[in-house]
Protein backbone atom coordinates (compact mmCIF):
# COMPACT_ATOMS: atom_id res chain seq x y z
CA MET A 1 44.82 -146.80 50.07
CA THR A 2 41.44 -148.25 48.89
CA THR A 3 39.29 -151.09 50.06
CA GLY A 4 38.37 -153.79 47.52
CA PRO A 5 34.93 -155.37 47.33
CA ALA A 6 36.01 -158.28 49.55
CA GLY A 7 37.20 -155.85 52.19
CA GLY A 8 40.91 -156.37 51.59
CA ALA A 9 43.23 -153.31 51.54
CA GLN A 10 44.59 -152.72 48.02
CA PRO A 11 47.48 -150.18 47.62
CA GLY A 12 47.78 -148.09 44.56
CA ARG A 13 46.73 -144.92 42.73
CA VAL A 14 42.95 -144.60 42.04
CA VAL A 15 40.94 -143.19 39.11
CA SER A 16 37.25 -142.56 39.73
CA LEU A 17 35.01 -143.57 36.89
CA PRO A 18 31.36 -142.31 36.82
CA GLY A 19 28.60 -144.60 38.08
CA ARG A 20 26.18 -146.11 35.63
CA GLN A 21 23.26 -144.17 36.90
CA ALA A 22 22.84 -140.55 38.10
CA GLY A 23 23.50 -140.37 41.83
CA THR A 24 25.45 -143.54 42.10
CA ARG A 25 28.86 -143.57 43.69
CA PRO A 26 31.73 -143.38 41.21
CA ALA A 27 33.63 -146.64 40.71
CA GLU A 28 37.19 -146.45 42.02
CA VAL A 29 39.62 -148.18 39.77
CA GLU A 30 43.31 -148.39 40.59
CA PHE A 31 45.64 -147.29 37.87
CA ARG A 32 47.75 -150.38 38.55
CA ASP A 33 44.71 -152.65 37.73
CA LEU A 34 43.98 -150.49 34.65
CA ARG A 35 47.50 -151.01 33.42
CA TYR A 36 47.17 -154.73 34.07
CA PHE A 37 43.91 -154.86 31.98
CA ALA A 38 45.51 -152.87 29.13
CA VAL A 39 48.39 -155.34 28.89
CA VAL A 40 45.94 -158.33 28.90
CA ALA A 41 43.89 -156.60 26.18
CA GLU A 42 46.85 -156.14 24.03
CA GLU A 43 48.29 -159.76 24.50
CA LEU A 44 44.84 -161.46 24.65
CA HIS A 45 46.80 -164.08 26.66
CA PHE A 46 47.16 -164.07 30.45
CA GLY A 47 50.48 -165.96 30.55
CA ARG A 48 52.16 -163.46 28.16
CA ALA A 49 50.62 -160.53 29.92
CA ALA A 50 51.77 -161.75 33.34
CA ALA A 51 55.36 -162.30 31.98
CA ARG A 52 55.30 -158.67 30.68
CA LEU A 53 54.09 -157.29 33.95
CA TYR A 54 56.42 -159.44 36.10
CA ILE A 55 53.57 -160.79 38.21
CA THR A 56 52.07 -164.25 38.59
CA GLN A 57 49.16 -165.36 36.34
CA PRO A 58 46.86 -165.95 39.29
CA GLY A 59 47.54 -162.48 40.63
CA LEU A 60 46.70 -161.00 37.19
CA SER A 61 43.51 -162.92 37.01
CA GLN A 62 42.53 -161.67 40.49
CA ALA A 63 43.21 -158.00 39.41
CA ILE A 64 41.00 -158.39 36.33
CA ALA A 65 38.26 -160.03 38.38
CA ARG A 66 38.43 -157.13 40.85
CA MET A 67 37.97 -154.63 38.20
CA GLU A 68 34.98 -156.45 36.77
CA ARG A 69 33.39 -156.50 40.31
CA VAL A 70 33.98 -152.77 40.77
CA LEU A 71 32.70 -151.88 37.32
CA GLU A 72 29.93 -154.47 37.46
CA VAL A 73 30.68 -155.54 33.89
CA GLN A 74 32.38 -158.40 32.14
CA LEU A 75 35.55 -157.10 30.41
CA LEU A 76 36.97 -160.35 29.00
CA ARG A 77 35.58 -163.54 27.65
CA ARG A 78 37.87 -166.47 28.46
CA THR A 79 37.95 -170.09 27.09
CA ARG A 80 40.64 -172.65 27.52
CA SER A 81 42.38 -171.45 24.26
CA THR A 82 41.19 -167.84 23.76
CA VAL A 83 40.81 -164.52 25.46
CA GLU A 84 38.55 -161.92 23.82
CA LEU A 85 37.43 -158.37 24.76
CA THR A 86 33.81 -157.81 25.39
CA GLU A 87 32.18 -154.59 24.07
CA ALA A 88 32.55 -153.00 27.58
CA GLY A 89 36.16 -154.26 27.66
CA ALA A 90 36.95 -152.53 24.30
CA GLU A 91 35.42 -149.31 25.51
CA LEU A 92 37.51 -149.42 28.75
CA LEU A 93 40.64 -150.11 26.69
CA ASN A 94 39.94 -147.09 24.58
CA HIS A 95 39.55 -144.72 27.49
CA GLY A 96 42.03 -146.45 29.75
CA ARG A 97 44.95 -146.00 27.27
CA ARG A 98 44.32 -142.31 27.28
CA LEU A 99 44.16 -142.20 31.15
CA LEU A 100 47.39 -144.10 31.43
CA ALA A 101 49.14 -141.86 28.93
CA ASP A 102 47.97 -138.79 30.80
CA LEU A 103 49.14 -140.33 34.08
CA ASP A 104 52.52 -141.16 32.62
CA ALA A 105 52.83 -137.63 31.18
CA ALA A 106 51.84 -136.04 34.50
CA VAL A 107 54.37 -138.15 36.49
CA ALA A 108 57.14 -137.26 33.99
CA ARG A 109 56.33 -133.57 34.10
CA VAL A 110 56.18 -133.58 37.95
CA ARG A 111 59.59 -135.32 38.14
CA MET A 112 60.99 -132.84 35.54
CA THR A 113 59.58 -129.93 37.62
CA GLY A 114 61.06 -131.27 40.76
CA ARG A 115 64.47 -131.48 39.04
CA GLY A 116 64.18 -128.00 37.52
CA GLN A 117 63.89 -129.32 34.01
CA ALA A 118 60.38 -127.89 33.57
CA GLY A 119 58.52 -124.93 34.99
CA LEU A 120 58.52 -121.19 34.77
CA VAL A 121 61.50 -118.82 35.40
CA ARG A 122 60.93 -115.05 35.60
CA ILE A 123 64.12 -113.14 34.81
CA GLY A 124 64.43 -109.39 34.70
CA VAL A 125 67.14 -107.77 32.58
CA ALA A 126 68.29 -104.11 32.88
CA HIS A 127 67.87 -101.84 29.88
CA LEU A 128 70.69 -102.23 27.44
CA ALA A 129 71.99 -105.27 29.26
CA GLU A 130 69.96 -107.73 27.08
CA PRO A 131 72.57 -108.13 24.21
CA LEU A 132 75.13 -109.02 26.89
CA VAL A 133 73.10 -111.87 28.48
CA ALA A 134 70.98 -112.90 25.51
CA PRO A 135 73.43 -115.68 24.41
CA ALA A 136 73.40 -117.27 27.81
CA LEU A 137 69.61 -117.18 28.11
CA ALA A 138 69.15 -118.53 24.53
CA ALA A 139 71.55 -121.39 25.31
CA PHE A 140 69.69 -122.17 28.48
CA GLN A 141 66.37 -122.18 26.62
CA ALA A 142 67.83 -124.49 24.00
CA ASP A 143 69.08 -126.97 26.60
CA HIS A 144 65.88 -126.78 28.70
CA PRO A 145 62.93 -126.68 26.12
CA SER A 146 60.36 -127.50 28.85
CA VAL A 147 61.34 -124.53 30.96
CA VAL A 148 59.50 -121.24 30.07
CA VAL A 149 61.76 -118.22 30.49
CA ASP A 150 59.60 -115.10 31.10
CA ARG A 151 62.09 -112.33 30.40
CA SER A 152 61.18 -108.71 31.18
CA VAL A 153 63.32 -105.56 30.56
CA MET A 154 63.14 -102.74 33.03
CA VAL A 155 65.20 -99.98 34.68
CA GLY A 156 67.42 -101.21 37.60
CA GLU A 157 65.39 -99.69 40.32
CA ARG A 158 62.21 -101.35 39.05
CA LEU A 159 63.99 -104.69 38.74
CA LEU A 160 65.01 -104.57 42.37
CA GLU A 161 61.47 -103.71 43.46
CA GLU A 162 60.13 -106.69 41.44
CA LEU A 163 62.76 -108.97 42.94
CA VAL A 164 62.06 -108.02 46.60
CA GLU A 165 58.25 -108.30 45.97
CA GLY A 166 58.73 -111.87 44.66
CA ARG A 167 57.59 -111.25 41.08
CA LEU A 168 61.00 -112.06 39.67
CA HIS A 169 63.20 -115.15 40.42
CA GLY A 170 66.33 -113.25 39.38
CA ALA A 171 67.56 -110.04 37.84
CA VAL A 172 70.56 -109.03 35.70
CA ILE A 173 71.38 -105.48 36.67
CA HIS A 174 74.27 -103.00 36.20
CA GLN A 175 76.42 -102.98 39.28
CA VAL A 176 76.07 -99.44 40.38
CA PRO A 177 76.79 -98.45 43.95
CA THR A 178 74.05 -95.93 44.03
CA LEU A 179 71.21 -98.53 43.57
CA PRO A 180 69.12 -99.14 46.72
CA SER A 181 69.77 -102.10 48.93
CA ILE A 182 67.64 -105.27 49.04
CA ASP A 183 67.24 -107.07 52.32
CA GLY A 184 67.31 -110.80 51.95
CA ALA A 185 68.70 -110.73 48.30
CA THR A 186 72.14 -111.75 47.12
CA SER A 187 74.21 -110.82 44.15
CA GLU A 188 77.38 -111.79 42.30
CA ALA A 189 79.21 -110.48 39.27
CA LEU A 190 78.03 -112.02 36.04
CA ARG A 191 79.85 -110.12 33.25
CA ARG A 192 82.53 -107.52 33.09
CA ASP A 193 84.10 -105.77 30.04
CA ARG A 194 85.07 -102.36 28.78
CA LEU A 195 82.68 -99.38 28.01
CA ALA A 196 82.32 -97.63 24.75
CA VAL A 197 81.07 -94.28 23.49
CA LEU A 198 78.46 -93.82 20.79
CA ALA A 199 79.34 -90.68 18.92
CA SER A 200 78.66 -88.81 15.71
CA GLN A 201 80.53 -90.07 12.66
CA ALA A 202 81.23 -86.48 11.79
CA GLY A 203 82.60 -85.51 15.24
CA GLU A 204 86.08 -85.28 16.66
CA LEU A 205 85.79 -88.55 18.61
CA ALA A 206 85.07 -90.63 15.47
CA GLY A 207 88.72 -90.92 14.37
CA ARG A 208 89.98 -92.18 17.79
CA PRO A 209 90.79 -95.85 18.20
CA ILE A 210 90.25 -95.66 21.97
CA LEU A 211 89.51 -93.03 24.56
CA THR A 212 89.98 -92.40 28.28
CA LEU A 213 87.07 -91.29 30.37
CA GLY A 214 88.83 -88.03 31.18
CA GLU A 215 88.81 -87.11 27.44
CA LEU A 216 85.03 -86.90 27.64
CA SER A 217 84.90 -84.13 30.17
CA LYS A 218 83.57 -81.51 27.51
CA GLU A 219 80.98 -83.85 26.18
CA THR A 220 77.22 -84.01 26.96
CA PHE A 221 76.05 -87.42 28.04
CA LEU A 222 72.61 -88.54 26.85
CA VAL A 223 70.79 -90.21 29.80
CA ASN A 224 67.45 -91.61 30.61
CA PRO A 225 65.11 -89.38 32.78
CA ARG A 226 66.64 -88.94 36.21
CA SER A 227 63.19 -89.41 37.86
CA LEU A 228 62.98 -92.93 36.39
CA THR A 229 66.64 -94.04 36.77
CA PRO A 230 68.18 -92.05 39.63
CA GLY A 231 70.67 -94.84 40.24
CA ALA A 232 72.02 -94.62 36.76
CA TYR A 233 72.39 -90.88 36.92
CA GLN A 234 74.10 -90.80 40.28
CA GLY A 235 76.29 -93.68 39.17
CA LEU A 236 77.34 -91.74 36.05
CA LYS A 237 78.17 -88.71 38.10
CA LEU A 238 80.26 -90.75 40.65
CA MET A 239 82.05 -92.61 37.86
CA CYS A 240 83.04 -89.47 35.93
CA SER A 241 84.23 -87.84 39.15
CA GLU A 242 86.14 -90.82 40.40
CA PHE A 243 87.78 -91.93 37.04
CA GLY A 244 87.60 -88.83 34.86
CA GLY A 245 88.12 -86.03 37.40
CA PHE A 246 85.24 -83.96 36.00
CA GLU A 247 81.60 -83.07 36.74
CA VAL A 248 79.34 -84.71 34.11
CA HIS A 249 77.01 -82.58 31.90
CA VAL A 250 73.92 -84.54 30.91
CA ALA A 251 70.94 -84.24 28.51
CA GLU A 252 67.88 -86.23 29.47
CA SER A 253 65.97 -88.27 26.93
CA ALA A 254 62.19 -87.94 26.71
CA GLY A 255 61.60 -91.47 28.06
CA VAL A 256 63.48 -94.59 29.04
CA SER A 257 65.58 -95.36 26.04
CA THR A 258 66.76 -98.52 24.47
CA ILE A 259 68.29 -96.50 21.65
CA ALA A 260 65.91 -98.10 19.18
CA LEU A 261 64.15 -94.96 17.95
CA ASP A 262 65.33 -92.22 15.65
CA THR A 263 64.48 -89.68 18.23
CA ASP A 264 67.13 -91.21 20.56
CA TRP A 265 69.81 -91.28 17.89
CA ARG A 266 69.38 -87.66 16.63
CA PRO A 267 71.40 -85.92 19.45
CA ILE A 268 74.19 -88.47 18.81
CA ARG A 269 74.12 -88.22 14.99
CA ASP A 270 74.28 -84.44 15.01
CA GLY A 271 77.08 -84.41 17.55
CA THR A 272 75.24 -82.59 20.43
CA ALA A 273 75.54 -85.58 22.68
CA ILE A 274 77.23 -88.95 23.29
CA ALA A 275 76.10 -92.14 24.92
CA LEU A 276 78.13 -94.44 27.12
CA MET A 277 77.33 -98.14 27.52
CA ALA A 278 78.93 -101.62 27.34
CA GLU A 279 80.93 -102.01 24.09
CA THR A 280 79.08 -105.20 23.13
CA THR A 281 75.71 -103.38 23.39
CA ALA A 282 77.02 -100.44 21.58
CA ARG A 283 78.21 -102.47 18.62
CA ALA A 284 74.93 -104.38 18.54
CA LEU A 285 72.83 -101.18 18.40
CA CYS A 286 74.98 -98.83 16.34
CA VAL A 287 73.38 -97.36 13.16
CA ASP A 288 74.55 -95.37 10.21
CA GLY A 289 76.05 -92.00 11.11
CA VAL A 290 77.16 -93.18 14.57
CA VAL A 291 80.50 -94.77 15.54
CA VAL A 292 81.62 -96.87 18.47
CA VAL A 293 84.83 -95.79 20.29
CA PRO A 294 86.00 -98.09 23.17
CA VAL A 295 86.92 -96.47 26.50
CA LYS A 296 90.11 -97.67 28.07
CA PRO A 297 89.62 -99.15 31.53
CA PRO A 298 89.13 -98.12 34.27
CA PRO A 299 86.20 -97.92 34.51
CA GLN A 300 84.53 -100.98 33.21
CA TYR A 301 80.85 -102.05 33.15
CA VAL A 302 79.91 -104.88 35.51
CA LEU A 303 76.61 -106.81 35.31
CA ALA A 304 75.43 -108.49 38.47
CA LEU A 305 73.11 -111.46 38.89
CA ALA A 306 70.73 -110.78 41.91
CA TRP A 307 68.26 -113.25 43.47
CA ARG A 308 66.48 -114.15 46.67
CA PRO A 309 67.67 -117.53 48.09
CA ASP A 310 64.40 -117.91 49.97
CA ALA A 311 62.12 -117.63 46.87
CA GLN A 312 63.61 -120.02 44.35
CA SER A 313 61.87 -122.68 42.41
CA ALA A 314 63.82 -125.72 41.11
CA ALA A 315 63.72 -124.31 37.59
CA ALA A 316 64.96 -120.91 38.77
CA ARG A 317 67.89 -122.49 40.62
CA ARG A 318 68.79 -124.46 37.55
CA CYS A 319 68.65 -121.31 35.44
CA LEU A 320 70.85 -119.32 37.71
CA ASP A 321 73.30 -122.12 38.00
CA TYR A 322 73.29 -122.25 34.22
CA LEU A 323 74.08 -118.61 33.91
CA ARG A 324 77.05 -118.93 36.33
CA THR A 325 78.41 -121.94 34.33
CA TYR A 326 77.97 -120.09 31.12
CA ARG A 327 79.84 -117.13 32.58
CA ASP A 328 82.69 -119.22 33.68
CA ARG A 329 82.89 -121.19 30.42
CA HIS A 330 82.94 -118.06 28.33
CA ALA A 331 85.30 -116.13 30.59
CA TRP A 332 82.87 -113.29 31.09
CA ILE A 333 84.94 -112.20 34.08
CA SER A 334 88.68 -112.27 33.79
CA ASP A 335 89.32 -112.23 37.57
CA PRO A 336 88.12 -115.54 39.02
CA GLY A 337 87.92 -114.04 42.42
CA VAL A 338 85.26 -111.63 41.38
CA ALA A 339 83.06 -114.46 40.00
CA ARG A 340 83.18 -116.26 43.39
CA ALA A 341 82.23 -113.07 45.36
CA VAL A 342 78.60 -113.67 46.53
CA ARG A 343 77.24 -111.05 48.71
CA PRO A 344 74.06 -109.30 49.96
CA CYS A 345 72.37 -106.94 47.53
CA SER A 346 73.32 -104.07 49.79
CA GLY A 347 76.80 -104.71 48.36
CA LEU A 348 75.87 -104.33 44.67
CA GLY A 349 78.41 -101.58 44.78
CA MET A 350 80.42 -99.73 47.44
CA ARG A 351 78.50 -97.23 49.33
CA ARG A 352 80.33 -94.09 48.23
CA ARG A 353 83.26 -94.96 45.91
CA TYR A 354 83.51 -97.27 42.98
CA ALA A 355 85.67 -100.29 43.27
CA PRO A 356 88.24 -100.60 40.51
CA GLY A 357 86.61 -101.83 37.34
CA VAL A 358 83.01 -101.02 38.26
CA ALA A 359 81.08 -98.63 36.20
CA GLY A 360 77.57 -97.18 35.74
CA GLY A 361 76.91 -94.79 32.98
CA SER A 362 74.41 -92.98 30.89
CA MET A 363 71.70 -95.08 29.39
CA CYS A 364 72.95 -98.12 31.40
CA LEU A 365 70.06 -99.05 33.60
């Protein structure tokens, strides 16, 4: 609320224009009056301008007069038949149009942000899960061009730390029961499908159309360093014990692997190790000299979507809702009951045993 020169209260948004001399108080001009002036300047006719603005002609004249008093300049020269801009009026029109355009853009952006149609969403994705969720995130970005999706790839343990500390709005992680719990966070299944083995093209497994987990008991599994991904390692051990009936033998890679470097592929190419991961990821990453052999369920891999309900922006809520809708539309989970199961992150997996169809695995987090 501002007070006009005559002392009357005038409602409206205000823009402060600099005074004419140093140290003078800025002139406060209402955006409403500035918009009125711009329409009069465009029409150069008070009657037509008033009709465009849906106000009375006397009311429009009073608004222009009020601006001239505040600015202490003449903006328009009026005769019985013409309306002309003064030099000062032309200058105000030039700057006023930009101010009004900026105001309109700001209002539109604020409304979009409030509706979740603009803003920033920080999503974390577990190593080797990116090919599985990339189509959904790309579709969201295409449908919401004003939302910036800041996507980061980390091991599962680090993702959960980032989530609980508020640096992520959501995380897509492998549903492994050996991951730590998160107080105040919630998760639900996002995608489920069968696992696959990456093996040497020259090895015995290459000719198999499909395998069971138990048939891998004599193989060495290539895994990320246990010190960096303890949940993945423990999850692999538990999975092989529960579904394969054997104690897994592992070979640790030199660093956290995305299987993008030749040093990661060499043990697989020469047949000294295999890698286990989601079939979709395996087929996306497979290179010459390596084959993909599906693993017959159980187990399966399960990706979970985790978030903190108390730390969500409108854009983040829209993104998470979009991922759920995409999941359902593309039948990422065959059992509808699983998709509806929303639970605390302490329930990312069962505490000691795998539920049917849930899997971790080497190089999976």
